[in-house]
Amino acid sequence: MLDTGRATESNGRVWFGALAWSGNWRLTVEQSTHGQVRVTGGYNPFDFAWPLKPGESLESPSFYAGFTTRGFGEASRLLHRFTRDEILPNKRLRPVLYNSWEATTFHQSKN
């Protein structure tokens, strides 16, 4: 979330967004000398390569963004509502991956 430094939980201009990608990603926020702000996001270019053969293409992850004048709380509610209604419309439960291999060296209890 970005604001002008004056936003509160319930009031103020807030720009917000999320990158729809769980892999290696990067978001960059830059401000020009003229005060303009630019946000870019996508694959993290560090150690990333995806060779393409002639005619092939690569689709970058989606970035969803919005704006509100009602503060950080409303920005959060809008993004959650969008996720529920547009990204996860069937409302089915999704499995949770418990990533414990590093701590347990694959010796996990099934209890």
PDB file of N, CA and C in Angstrom:
ATOM      1  N   MET A   1       0.834  -1.176   0.000  1.00  0.00           N
ATOM      2  CA  MET A   1       0.000   0.000   0.000  1.00  0.00           C
ATOM      3  C   MET A   1       0.883   1.245   0.000  1.00  0.00           C
ATOM      4  N   LEU A   2       0.420   2.253  -0.690  1.00  0.00           N
ATOM      5  CA  LEU A   2       1.112   3.539  -0.760  1.00  0.00           C
ATOM      6  C   LEU A   2       0.147   4.648  -0.392  1.00  0.00           C
ATOM      7  N   ASP A   3       0.646   5.632   0.314  1.00  0.00           N
ATOM      8  CA  ASP A   3      -0.162   6.812   0.612  1.00  0.00           C
ATOM      9  C   ASP A   3       0.741   8.038   0.581  1.00  0.00           C
ATOM     10  N   THR A   4       0.155   9.194   0.793  1.00  0.00           N
ATOM     11  CA  THR A   4       0.919  10.443   0.766  1.00  0.00           C
ATOM     12  C   THR A   4       1.533  10.764   2.123  1.00  0.00           C
ATOM     13  N   GLY A   5       1.373   9.875   3.083  1.00  0.00           N
ATOM     14  CA  GLY A   5       1.879  10.110   4.429  1.00  0.00           C
ATOM     15  C   GLY A   5       0.810  10.619   5.374  1.00  0.00           C
ATOM     16  N   ARG A   6      -0.402  10.770   4.863  1.00  0.00           N
ATOM     17  CA  ARG A   6      -1.486  11.318   5.689  1.00  0.00           C
ATOM     18  C   ARG A   6      -2.620  10.323   5.938  1.00  0.00           C
ATOM     19  N   ALA A   7      -2.597   9.189   5.294  1.00  0.00           N
ATOM     20  CA  ALA A   7      -3.704   8.238   5.425  1.00  0.00           C
ATOM     21  C   ALA A   7      -3.702   7.593   6.805  1.00  0.00           C
ATOM     22  N   THR A   8      -4.902   7.235   7.240  1.00  0.00           N
ATOM     23  CA  THR A   8      -5.101   6.524   8.499  1.00  0.00           C
ATOM     24  C   THR A   8      -5.822   5.218   8.183  1.00  0.00           C
ATOM     25  N   GLU A   9      -6.206   4.503   9.193  1.00  0.00           N
ATOM     26  CA  GLU A   9      -6.941   3.262   8.991  1.00  0.00           C
ATOM     27  C   GLU A   9      -8.275   3.507   8.296  1.00  0.00           C
ATOM     28  N   SER A  10      -8.907   4.661   8.524  1.00  0.00           N
ATOM     29  CA  SER A  10     -10.244   4.884   7.980  1.00  0.00           C
ATOM     30  C   SER A  10     -10.378   6.103   7.063  1.00  0.00           C
ATOM     31  N   ASN A  11      -9.270   6.810   6.783  1.00  0.00           N
ATOM     32  CA  ASN A  11      -9.376   8.003   5.959  1.00  0.00           C
ATOM     33  C   ASN A  11      -8.071   8.220   5.203  1.00  0.00           C
ATOM     34  N   GLY A  12      -8.181   8.759   4.000  1.00  0.00           N
ATOM     35  CA  GLY A  12      -6.991   9.120   3.236  1.00  0.00           C
ATOM     36  C   GLY A  12      -6.846   8.333   1.948  1.00  0.00           C
ATOM     37  N   ARG A  13      -6.056   8.914   1.052  1.00  0.00           N
ATOM     38  CA  ARG A  13      -5.817   8.326  -0.268  1.00  0.00           C
ATOM     39  C   ARG A  13      -4.794   7.198  -0.147  1.00  0.00           C
ATOM     40  N   VAL A  14      -5.197   6.009  -0.615  1.00  0.00           N
ATOM     41  CA  VAL A  14      -4.327   4.836  -0.550  1.00  0.00           C
ATOM     42  C   VAL A  14      -4.391   4.095  -1.881  1.00  0.00           C
ATOM     43  N   TRP A  15      -3.234   3.821  -2.435  1.00  0.00           N
ATOM     44  CA  TRP A  15      -3.098   2.975  -3.608  1.00  0.00           C
ATOM     45  C   TRP A  15      -2.619   1.622  -3.103  1.00  0.00           C
ATOM     46  N   PHE A  16      -3.186   0.550  -3.626  1.00  0.00           N
ATOM     47  CA  PHE A  16      -2.837  -0.778  -3.116  1.00  0.00           C
ATOM     48  C   PHE A  16      -2.799  -1.785  -4.251  1.00  0.00           C
ATOM     49  N   GLY A  17      -2.148  -2.907  -4.006  1.00  0.00           N
ATOM     50  CA  GLY A  17      -2.094  -3.932  -5.030  1.00  0.00           C
ATOM     51  C   GLY A  17      -1.435  -5.199  -4.533  1.00  0.00           C
ATOM     52  N   ALA A  18      -1.509  -6.209  -5.381  1.00  0.00           N
ATOM     53  CA  ALA A  18      -0.913  -7.502  -5.072  1.00  0.00           C
ATOM     54  C   ALA A  18      -0.507  -8.185  -6.365  1.00  0.00           C
ATOM     55  N   LEU A  19       0.596  -8.874  -6.315  1.00  0.00           N
ATOM     56  CA  LEU A  19       1.079  -9.652  -7.443  1.00  0.00           C
ATOM     57  C   LEU A  19       0.555 -11.071  -7.293  1.00  0.00           C
ATOM     58  N   ALA A  20      -0.107 -11.579  -8.319  1.00  0.00           N
ATOM     59  CA  ALA A  20      -0.698 -12.921  -8.275  1.00  0.00           C
ATOM     60  C   ALA A  20       0.352 -13.951  -8.677  1.00  0.00           C
ATOM     61  N   TRP A  21       1.324 -14.113  -7.820  1.00  0.00           N
ATOM     62  CA  TRP A  21       2.429 -15.027  -8.116  1.00  0.00           C
ATOM     63  C   TRP A  21       3.069 -15.451  -6.803  1.00  0.00           C
ATOM     64  N   SER A  22       3.242 -16.740  -6.613  1.00  0.00           N
ATOM     65  CA  SER A  22       3.828 -17.230  -5.368  1.00  0.00           C
ATOM     66  C   SER A  22       5.289 -17.613  -5.524  1.00  0.00           C
ATOM     67  N   GLY A  23       5.823 -17.471  -6.718  1.00  0.00           N
ATOM     68  CA  GLY A  23       7.213 -17.839  -6.950  1.00  0.00           C
ATOM     69  C   GLY A  23       8.166 -16.713  -6.579  1.00  0.00           C
ATOM     70  N   ASN A  24       9.320 -16.708  -7.184  1.00  0.00           N
ATOM     71  CA  ASN A  24      10.352 -15.711  -6.923  1.00  0.00           C
ATOM     72  C   ASN A  24       9.938 -14.412  -7.618  1.00  0.00           C
ATOM     73  N   TRP A  25       9.586 -13.387  -6.846  1.00  0.00           N
ATOM     74  CA  TRP A  25       9.019 -12.161  -7.408  1.00  0.00           C
ATOM     75  C   TRP A  25       9.732 -10.934  -6.864  1.00  0.00           C
ATOM     76  N   ARG A  26       9.437  -9.816  -7.502  1.00  0.00           N
ATOM     77  CA  ARG A  26       9.977  -8.537  -7.039  1.00  0.00           C
ATOM     78  C   ARG A  26       8.981  -7.435  -7.340  1.00  0.00           C
ATOM     79  N   LEU A  27       8.789  -6.557  -6.366  1.00  0.00           N
ATOM     80  CA  LEU A  27       8.023  -5.328  -6.553  1.00  0.00           C
ATOM     81  C   LEU A  27       8.986  -4.169  -6.374  1.00  0.00           C
ATOM     82  N   THR A  28       8.917  -3.199  -7.249  1.00  0.00           N
ATOM     83  CA  THR A  28       9.789  -2.037  -7.173  1.00  0.00           C
ATOM     84  C   THR A  28       8.934  -0.778  -7.154  1.00  0.00           C
ATOM     85  N   VAL A  29       9.225   0.111  -6.208  1.00  0.00           N
ATOM     86  CA  VAL A  29       8.528   1.393  -6.110  1.00  0.00           C
ATOM     87  C   VAL A  29       9.585   2.483  -6.258  1.00  0.00           C
ATOM     88  N   GLU A  30       9.384   3.351  -7.245  1.00  0.00           N
ATOM     89  CA  GLU A  30      10.350   4.416  -7.515  1.00  0.00           C
ATOM     90  C   GLU A  30       9.629   5.753  -7.584  1.00  0.00           C
ATOM     91  N   GLN A  31      10.302   6.799  -7.112  1.00  0.00           N
ATOM     92  CA  GLN A  31       9.757   8.146  -7.232  1.00  0.00           C
ATOM     93  C   GLN A  31      10.725   8.978  -8.072  1.00  0.00           C
ATOM     94  N   SER A  32      10.184   9.658  -9.080  1.00  0.00           N
ATOM     95  CA  SER A  32      11.018  10.476  -9.957  1.00  0.00           C
ATOM     96  C   SER A  32      11.353  11.803  -9.269  1.00  0.00           C
ATOM     97  N   THR A  33      12.240  12.555  -9.880  1.00  0.00           N
ATOM     98  CA  THR A  33      12.591  13.876  -9.347  1.00  0.00           C
ATOM     99  C   THR A  33      11.416  14.846  -9.426  1.00  0.00           C
ATOM    100  N   HIS A  34      10.393  14.490 -10.233  1.00  0.00           N
ATOM    101  CA  HIS A  34       9.192  15.320 -10.364  1.00  0.00           C
ATOM    102  C   HIS A  34       8.072  14.855  -9.438  1.00  0.00           C
ATOM    103  N   GLY A  35       8.361  13.885  -8.570  1.00  0.00           N
ATOM    104  CA  GLY A  35       7.371  13.414  -7.610  1.00  0.00           C
ATOM    105  C   GLY A  35       6.445  12.335  -8.120  1.00  0.00           C
ATOM    106  N   GLN A  36       6.636  11.883  -9.354  1.00  0.00           N
ATOM    107  CA  GLN A  36       5.799  10.812  -9.885  1.00  0.00           C
ATOM    108  C   GLN A  36       6.275   9.470  -9.315  1.00  0.00           C
ATOM    109  N   VAL A  37       5.328   8.598  -9.009  1.00  0.00           N
ATOM    110  CA  VAL A  37       5.647   7.291  -8.440  1.00  0.00           C
ATOM    111  C   VAL A  37       5.314   6.217  -9.459  1.00  0.00           C
ATOM    112  N   ARG A  38       6.215   5.257  -9.590  1.00  0.00           N
ATOM    113  CA  ARG A  38       6.017   4.137 -10.507  1.00  0.00           C
ATOM    114  C   ARG A  38       6.184   2.847  -9.723  1.00  0.00           C
ATOM    115  N   VAL A  39       5.234   1.935  -9.897  1.00  0.00           N
ATOM    116  CA  VAL A  39       5.300   0.620  -9.261  1.00  0.00           C
ATOM    117  C   VAL A  39       5.347  -0.423 -10.358  1.00  0.00           C
ATOM    118  N   THR A  40       6.312  -1.306 -10.301  1.00  0.00           N
ATOM    119  CA  THR A  40       6.401  -2.416 -11.245  1.00  0.00           C
ATOM    120  C   THR A  40       6.545  -3.704 -10.452  1.00  0.00           C
ATOM    121  N   GLY A  41       6.079  -4.780 -11.034  1.00  0.00           N
ATOM    122  CA  GLY A  41       6.180  -6.064 -10.353  1.00  0.00           C
ATOM    123  C   GLY A  41       6.158  -7.203 -11.342  1.00  0.00           C
ATOM    124  N   GLY A  42       6.692  -8.313 -10.915  1.00  0.00           N
ATOM    125  CA  GLY A  42       6.709  -9.499 -11.764  1.00  0.00           C
ATOM    126  C   GLY A  42       7.786 -10.463 -11.310  1.00  0.00           C
ATOM    127  N   TYR A  43       8.241 -11.268 -12.247  1.00  0.00           N
ATOM    128  CA  TYR A  43       9.308 -12.212 -11.941  1.00  0.00           C
ATOM    129  C   TYR A  43      10.523 -11.463 -11.402  1.00  0.00           C
ATOM    130  N   ASN A  44      11.211 -12.053 -10.454  1.00  0.00           N
ATOM    131  CA  ASN A  44      12.466 -11.483  -9.982  1.00  0.00           C
ATOM    132  C   ASN A  44      13.537 -11.814 -11.015  1.00  0.00           C
ATOM    133  N   PRO A  45      14.183 -10.822 -11.594  1.00  0.00           N
ATOM    134  CA  PRO A  45      15.169 -11.108 -12.637  1.00  0.00           C
ATOM    135  C   PRO A  45      16.459 -11.744 -12.117  1.00  0.00           C
ATOM    136  N   PHE A  46      16.667 -11.747 -10.795  1.00  0.00           N
ATOM    137  CA  PHE A  46      17.887 -12.347 -10.252  1.00  0.00           C
ATOM    138  C   PHE A  46      17.844 -13.856 -10.455  1.00  0.00           C
ATOM    139  N   ASP A  47      18.825 -14.385 -11.132  1.00  0.00           N
ATOM    140  CA  ASP A  47      18.932 -15.821 -11.421  1.00  0.00           C
ATOM    141  C   ASP A  47      17.714 -16.372 -12.157  1.00  0.00           C
ATOM    142  N   PHE A  48      17.071 -15.555 -12.959  1.00  0.00           N
ATOM    143  CA  PHE A  48      15.899 -15.995 -13.704  1.00  0.00           C
ATOM    144  C   PHE A  48      16.192 -15.957 -15.192  1.00  0.00           C
ATOM    145  N   ALA A  49      15.881 -17.043 -15.855  1.00  0.00           N
ATOM    146  CA  ALA A  49      15.989 -17.092 -17.311  1.00  0.00           C
ATOM    147  C   ALA A  49      14.910 -18.037 -17.824  1.00  0.00           C
ATOM    148  N   TRP A  50      14.288 -17.678 -18.914  1.00  0.00           N
ATOM    149  CA  TRP A  50      13.273 -18.511 -19.525  1.00  0.00           C
ATOM    150  C   TRP A  50      13.468 -18.439 -21.037  1.00  0.00           C
ATOM    151  N   PRO A  51      14.326 -19.307 -21.549  1.00  0.00           N
ATOM    152  CA  PRO A  51      14.597 -19.263 -22.995  1.00  0.00           C
ATOM    153  C   PRO A  51      13.333 -19.556 -23.798  1.00  0.00           C
ATOM    154  N   LEU A  52      13.107 -18.752 -24.806  1.00  0.00           N
ATOM    155  CA  LEU A  52      11.947 -18.927 -25.671  1.00  0.00           C
ATOM    156  C   LEU A  52      12.414 -19.272 -27.077  1.00  0.00           C
ATOM    157  N   LYS A  53      11.769 -20.260 -27.639  1.00  0.00           N
ATOM    158  CA  LYS A  53      12.031 -20.610 -29.032  1.00  0.00           C
ATOM    159  C   LYS A  53      11.222 -19.670 -29.919  1.00  0.00           C
ATOM    160  N   PRO A  54      11.584 -19.531 -31.170  1.00  0.00           N
ATOM    161  CA  PRO A  54      10.818 -18.659 -32.077  1.00  0.00           C
ATOM    162  C   PRO A  54       9.330 -19.003 -32.045  1.00  0.00           C
ATOM    163  N   GLY A  55       8.505 -17.983 -31.868  1.00  0.00           N
ATOM    164  CA  GLY A  55       7.064 -18.165 -31.830  1.00  0.00           C
ATOM    165  C   GLY A  55       6.503 -18.444 -30.443  1.00  0.00           C
ATOM    166  N   GLU A  56       7.345 -18.767 -29.470  1.00  0.00           N
ATOM    167  CA  GLU A  56       6.873 -19.011 -28.109  1.00  0.00           C
ATOM    168  C   GLU A  56       6.715 -17.686 -27.372  1.00  0.00           C
ATOM    169  N   SER A  57       5.941 -17.718 -26.312  1.00  0.00           N
ATOM    170  CA  SER A  57       5.752 -16.523 -25.498  1.00  0.00           C
ATOM    171  C   SER A  57       5.721 -16.920 -24.031  1.00  0.00           C
ATOM    172  N   LEU A  58       5.838 -15.930 -23.186  1.00  0.00           N
ATOM    173  CA  LEU A  58       5.789 -16.128 -21.736  1.00  0.00           C
ATOM    174  C   LEU A  58       4.856 -15.077 -21.164  1.00  0.00           C
ATOM    175  N   GLU A  59       3.860 -15.522 -20.424  1.00  0.00           N
ATOM    176  CA  GLU A  59       2.920 -14.592 -19.814  1.00  0.00           C
ATOM    177  C   GLU A  59       3.390 -14.268 -18.409  1.00  0.00           C
ATOM    178  N   SER A  60       3.536 -12.990 -18.123  1.00  0.00           N
ATOM    179  CA  SER A  60       3.972 -12.581 -16.792  1.00  0.00           C
ATOM    180  C   SER A  60       2.808 -12.674 -15.809  1.00  0.00           C
ATOM    181  N   PRO A  61       3.100 -12.738 -14.509  1.00  0.00           N
ATOM    182  CA  PRO A  61       2.022 -12.803 -13.511  1.00  0.00           C
ATOM    183  C   PRO A  61       1.145 -11.557 -13.553  1.00  0.00           C
ATOM    184  N   SER A  62      -0.089 -11.726 -13.153  1.00  0.00           N
ATOM    185  CA  SER A  62      -1.026 -10.590 -13.084  1.00  0.00           C
ATOM    186  C   SER A  62      -0.729  -9.756 -11.848  1.00  0.00           C
ATOM    187  N   PHE A  63      -0.943  -8.455 -11.984  1.00  0.00           N
ATOM    188  CA  PHE A  63      -0.832  -7.543 -10.852  1.00  0.00           C
ATOM    189  C   PHE A  63      -2.175  -6.844 -10.719  1.00  0.00           C
ATOM    190  N   TYR A  64      -2.773  -6.967  -9.549  1.00  0.00           N
ATOM    191  CA  TYR A  64      -4.078  -6.356  -9.295  1.00  0.00           C
ATOM    192  C   TYR A  64      -3.873  -5.139  -8.410  1.00  0.00           C
ATOM    193  N   ALA A  65      -4.510  -4.040  -8.770  1.00  0.00           N
ATOM    194  CA  ALA A  65      -4.303  -2.801  -8.020  1.00  0.00           C
ATOM    195  C   ALA A  65      -5.611  -2.034  -7.888  1.00  0.00           C
ATOM    196  N   GLY A  66      -5.637  -1.140  -6.910  1.00  0.00           N
ATOM    197  CA  GLY A  66      -6.816  -0.329  -6.698  1.00  0.00           C
ATOM    198  C   GLY A  66      -6.475   0.954  -5.958  1.00  0.00           C
ATOM    199  N   PHE A  67      -7.498   1.752  -5.720  1.00  0.00           N
ATOM    200  CA  PHE A  67      -7.346   3.046  -5.063  1.00  0.00           C
ATOM    201  C   PHE A  67      -8.580   3.305  -4.218  1.00  0.00           C
ATOM    202  N   THR A  68      -8.382   3.931  -3.059  1.00  0.00           N
ATOM    203  CA  THR A  68      -9.488   4.341  -2.210  1.00  0.00           C
ATOM    204  C   THR A  68      -9.140   5.646  -1.508  1.00  0.00           C
ATOM    205  N   THR A  69     -10.155   6.390  -1.140  1.00  0.00           N
ATOM    206  CA  THR A  69      -9.963   7.596  -0.327  1.00  0.00           C
ATOM    207  C   THR A  69     -10.367   7.327   1.122  1.00  0.00           C
ATOM    208  N   ARG A  70     -10.599   6.064   1.439  1.00  0.00           N
ATOM    209  CA  ARG A  70     -11.089   5.697   2.771  1.00  0.00           C
ATOM    210  C   ARG A  70     -10.062   4.950   3.611  1.00  0.00           C
ATOM    211  N   GLY A  71      -8.790   5.175   3.377  1.00  0.00           N
ATOM    212  CA  GLY A  71      -7.741   4.669   4.245  1.00  0.00           C
ATOM    213  C   GLY A  71      -7.326   3.222   4.022  1.00  0.00           C
ATOM    214  N   PHE A  72      -6.392   2.802   4.889  1.00  0.00           N
ATOM    215  CA  PHE A  72      -5.790   1.472   4.784  1.00  0.00           C
ATOM    216  C   PHE A  72      -6.794   0.355   5.033  1.00  0.00           C
ATOM    217  N   GLY A  73      -7.713   0.550   5.956  1.00  0.00           N
ATOM    218  CA  GLY A  73      -8.704  -0.479   6.252  1.00  0.00           C
ATOM    219  C   GLY A  73      -9.579  -0.789   5.053  1.00  0.00           C
ATOM    220  N   GLU A  74     -10.043   0.256   4.383  1.00  0.00           N
ATOM    221  CA  GLU A  74     -10.879   0.058   3.198  1.00  0.00           C
ATOM    222  C   GLU A  74     -10.070  -0.572   2.067  1.00  0.00           C
ATOM    223  N   ALA A  75      -8.811  -0.194   1.915  1.00  0.00           N
ATOM    224  CA  ALA A  75      -7.957  -0.813   0.895  1.00  0.00           C
ATOM    225  C   ALA A  75      -7.863  -2.316   1.146  1.00  0.00           C
ATOM    226  N   SER A  76      -7.649  -2.692   2.372  1.00  0.00           N
ATOM    227  CA  SER A  76      -7.569  -4.110   2.726  1.00  0.00           C
ATOM    228  C   SER A  76      -8.882  -4.823   2.444  1.00  0.00           C
ATOM    229  N   ARG A  77      -9.996  -4.218   2.829  1.00  0.00           N
ATOM    230  CA  ARG A  77     -11.301  -4.839   2.586  1.00  0.00           C
ATOM    231  C   ARG A  77     -11.583  -4.984   1.092  1.00  0.00           C
ATOM    232  N   LEU A  78     -11.252  -3.965   0.303  1.00  0.00           N
ATOM    233  CA  LEU A  78     -11.463  -4.043  -1.146  1.00  0.00           C
ATOM    234  C   LEU A  78     -10.640  -5.163  -1.774  1.00  0.00           C
ATOM    235  N   LEU A  79      -9.384  -5.274  -1.372  1.00  0.00           N
ATOM    236  CA  LEU A  79      -8.529  -6.324  -1.941  1.00  0.00           C
ATOM    237  C   LEU A  79      -9.013  -7.710  -1.511  1.00  0.00           C
ATOM    238  N   HIS A  80      -9.437  -7.847  -0.274  1.00  0.00           N
ATOM    239  CA  HIS A  80      -9.970  -9.134   0.170  1.00  0.00           C
ATOM    240  C   HIS A  80     -11.266  -9.484  -0.566  1.00  0.00           C
ATOM    241  N   ARG A  81     -12.144  -8.505  -0.725  1.00  0.00           N
ATOM    242  CA  ARG A  81     -13.405  -8.746  -1.448  1.00  0.00           C
ATOM    243  C   ARG A  81     -13.121  -9.136  -2.896  1.00  0.00           C
ATOM    244  N   PHE A  82     -12.207  -8.437  -3.552  1.00  0.00           N
ATOM    245  CA  PHE A  82     -11.841  -8.767  -4.927  1.00  0.00           C
ATOM    246  C   PHE A  82     -11.305 -10.192  -5.010  1.00  0.00           C
ATOM    247  N   THR A  83     -10.458 -10.560  -4.069  1.00  0.00           N
ATOM    248  CA  THR A  83      -9.893 -11.918  -4.064  1.00  0.00           C
ATOM    249  C   THR A  83     -10.995 -12.957  -3.904  1.00  0.00           C
ATOM    250  N   ARG A  84     -11.889 -12.742  -2.963  1.00  0.00           N
ATOM    251  CA  ARG A  84     -12.991 -13.695  -2.745  1.00  0.00           C
ATOM    252  C   ARG A  84     -13.916 -13.785  -3.958  1.00  0.00           C
ATOM    253  N   ASP A  85     -14.268 -12.638  -4.540  1.00  0.00           N
ATOM    254  CA  ASP A  85     -15.266 -12.622  -5.611  1.00  0.00           C
ATOM    255  C   ASP A  85     -14.714 -12.939  -6.995  1.00  0.00           C
ATOM    256  N   GLU A  86     -13.485 -12.551  -7.273  1.00  0.00           N
ATOM    257  CA  GLU A  86     -12.942 -12.688  -8.628  1.00  0.00           C
ATOM    258  C   GLU A  86     -11.857 -13.759  -8.764  1.00  0.00           C
ATOM    259  N   ILE A  87     -11.012 -13.886  -7.779  1.00  0.00           N
ATOM    260  CA  ILE A  87      -9.907 -14.846  -7.863  1.00  0.00           C
ATOM    261  C   ILE A  87     -10.354 -16.221  -7.391  1.00  0.00           C
ATOM    262  N   LEU A  88     -11.133 -16.263  -6.321  1.00  0.00           N
ATOM    263  CA  LEU A  88     -11.568 -17.534  -5.727  1.00  0.00           C
ATOM    264  C   LEU A  88     -13.092 -17.651  -5.751  1.00  0.00           C
ATOM    265  N   PRO A  89     -13.727 -17.513  -6.900  1.00  0.00           N
ATOM    266  CA  PRO A  89     -15.186 -17.444  -6.909  1.00  0.00           C
ATOM    267  C   PRO A  89     -15.886 -18.727  -6.478  1.00  0.00           C
ATOM    268  N   ASN A  90     -15.267 -19.897  -6.630  1.00  0.00           N
ATOM    269  CA  ASN A  90     -15.973 -21.129  -6.273  1.00  0.00           C
ATOM    270  C   ASN A  90     -15.914 -21.417  -4.775  1.00  0.00           C
ATOM    271  N   LYS A  91     -15.145 -20.645  -4.022  1.00  0.00           N
ATOM    272  CA  LYS A  91     -15.093 -20.716  -2.559  1.00  0.00           C
ATOM    273  C   LYS A  91     -14.798 -22.112  -2.027  1.00  0.00           C
ATOM    274  N   ARG A  92     -14.102 -22.941  -2.810  1.00  0.00           N
ATOM    275  CA  ARG A  92     -13.749 -24.265  -2.312  1.00  0.00           C
ATOM    276  C   ARG A  92     -12.527 -24.159  -1.397  1.00  0.00           C
ATOM    277  N   LEU A  93     -12.442 -25.062  -0.468  1.00  0.00           N
ATOM    278  CA  LEU A  93     -11.282 -25.084   0.416  1.00  0.00           C
ATOM    279  C   LEU A  93     -10.065 -25.559  -0.368  1.00  0.00           C
ATOM    280  N   ARG A  94      -8.956 -24.939  -0.106  1.00  0.00           N
ATOM    281  CA  ARG A  94      -7.725 -25.309  -0.779  1.00  0.00           C
ATOM    282  C   ARG A  94      -6.777 -25.937   0.226  1.00  0.00           C
ATOM    283  N   PRO A  95      -6.024 -26.948  -0.204  1.00  0.00           N
ATOM    284  CA  PRO A  95      -5.098 -27.596   0.728  1.00  0.00           C
ATOM    285  C   PRO A  95      -3.982 -26.646   1.147  1.00  0.00           C
ATOM    286  N   VAL A  96      -3.494 -26.843   2.339  1.00  0.00           N
ATOM    287  CA  VAL A  96      -2.390 -26.049   2.859  1.00  0.00           C
ATOM    288  C   VAL A  96      -1.143 -26.910   2.842  1.00  0.00           C
ATOM    289  N   LEU A  97      -0.088 -26.390   2.284  1.00  0.00           N
ATOM    290  CA  LEU A  97       1.179 -27.111   2.267  1.00  0.00           C
ATOM    291  C   LEU A  97       1.980 -26.696   3.488  1.00  0.00           C
ATOM    292  N   TYR A  98       2.295 -27.658   4.302  1.00  0.00           N
ATOM    293  CA  TYR A  98       3.112 -27.398   5.479  1.00  0.00           C
ATOM    294  C   TYR A  98       4.563 -27.653   5.089  1.00  0.00           C
ATOM    295  N   ASN A  99       5.307 -26.600   4.869  1.00  0.00           N
ATOM    296  CA  ASN A  99       6.683 -26.710   4.409  1.00  0.00           C
ATOM    297  C   ASN A  99       7.604 -26.858   5.619  1.00  0.00           C
ATOM    298  N   SER A 100       7.850 -28.103   6.007  1.00  0.00           N
ATOM    299  CA  SER A 100       8.634 -28.350   7.216  1.00  0.00           C
ATOM    300  C   SER A 100       9.929 -29.102   6.945  1.00  0.00           C
ATOM    301  N   TRP A 101      10.270 -29.338   5.707  1.00  0.00           N
ATOM    302  CA  TRP A 101      11.413 -30.197   5.412  1.00  0.00           C
ATOM    303  C   TRP A 101      12.706 -29.665   6.006  1.00  0.00           C
ATOM    304  N   GLU A 102      12.884 -28.351   6.010  1.00  0.00           N
ATOM    305  CA  GLU A 102      14.140 -27.810   6.521  1.00  0.00           C
ATOM    306  C   GLU A 102      14.275 -28.028   8.030  1.00  0.00           C
ATOM    307  N   ALA A 103      13.188 -27.846   8.751  1.00  0.00           N
ATOM    308  CA  ALA A 103      13.240 -27.998  10.206  1.00  0.00           C
ATOM    309  C   ALA A 103      13.248 -29.449  10.653  1.00  0.00           C
ATOM    310  N   THR A 104      12.586 -30.335   9.884  1.00  0.00           N
ATOM    311  CA  THR A 104      12.441 -31.711  10.342  1.00  0.00           C
ATOM    312  C   THR A 104      13.205 -32.728   9.501  1.00  0.00           C
ATOM    313  N   THR A 105      13.856 -32.288   8.441  1.00  0.00           N
ATOM    314  CA  THR A 105      14.570 -33.170   7.516  1.00  0.00           C
ATOM    315  C   THR A 105      13.683 -34.334   7.068  1.00  0.00           C
ATOM    316  N   PHE A 106      12.443 -34.017   6.738  1.00  0.00           N
ATOM    317  CA  PHE A 106      11.454 -34.961   6.236  1.00  0.00           C
ATOM    318  C   PHE A 106      10.966 -35.977   7.254  1.00  0.00           C
ATOM    319  N   HIS A 107      11.348 -35.846   8.514  1.00  0.00           N
ATOM    320  CA  HIS A 107      10.867 -36.740   9.574  1.00  0.00           C
ATOM    321  C   HIS A 107       9.674 -36.074  10.249  1.00  0.00           C
ATOM    322  N   GLN A 108       8.497 -36.288   9.664  1.00  0.00           N
ATOM    323  CA  GLN A 108       7.299 -35.619  10.161  1.00  0.00           C
ATOM    324  C   GLN A 108       6.332 -36.632  10.739  1.00  0.00           C
ATOM    325  N   SER A 109       5.646 -36.236  11.762  1.00  0.00           N
ATOM    326  CA  SER A 109       4.610 -37.058  12.369  1.00  0.00           C
ATOM    327  C   SER A 109       3.308 -36.802  11.629  1.00  0.00           C
ATOM    328  N   LYS A 110       2.516 -37.815  11.405  1.00  0.00           N
ATOM    329  CA  LYS A 110       1.229 -37.659  10.719  1.00  0.00           C
ATOM    330  C   LYS A 110       0.112 -37.380  11.717  1.00  0.00           C
ATOM    331  N   ASN A 111       0.415 -37.240  12.970  1.00  0.00           N
ATOM    332  CA  ASN A 111      -0.608 -36.978  13.993  1.00  0.00           C
ATOM    333  C   ASN A 111      -0.961 -35.525  14.034  1.00  0.00           C
TER     334      ASN A 111
END
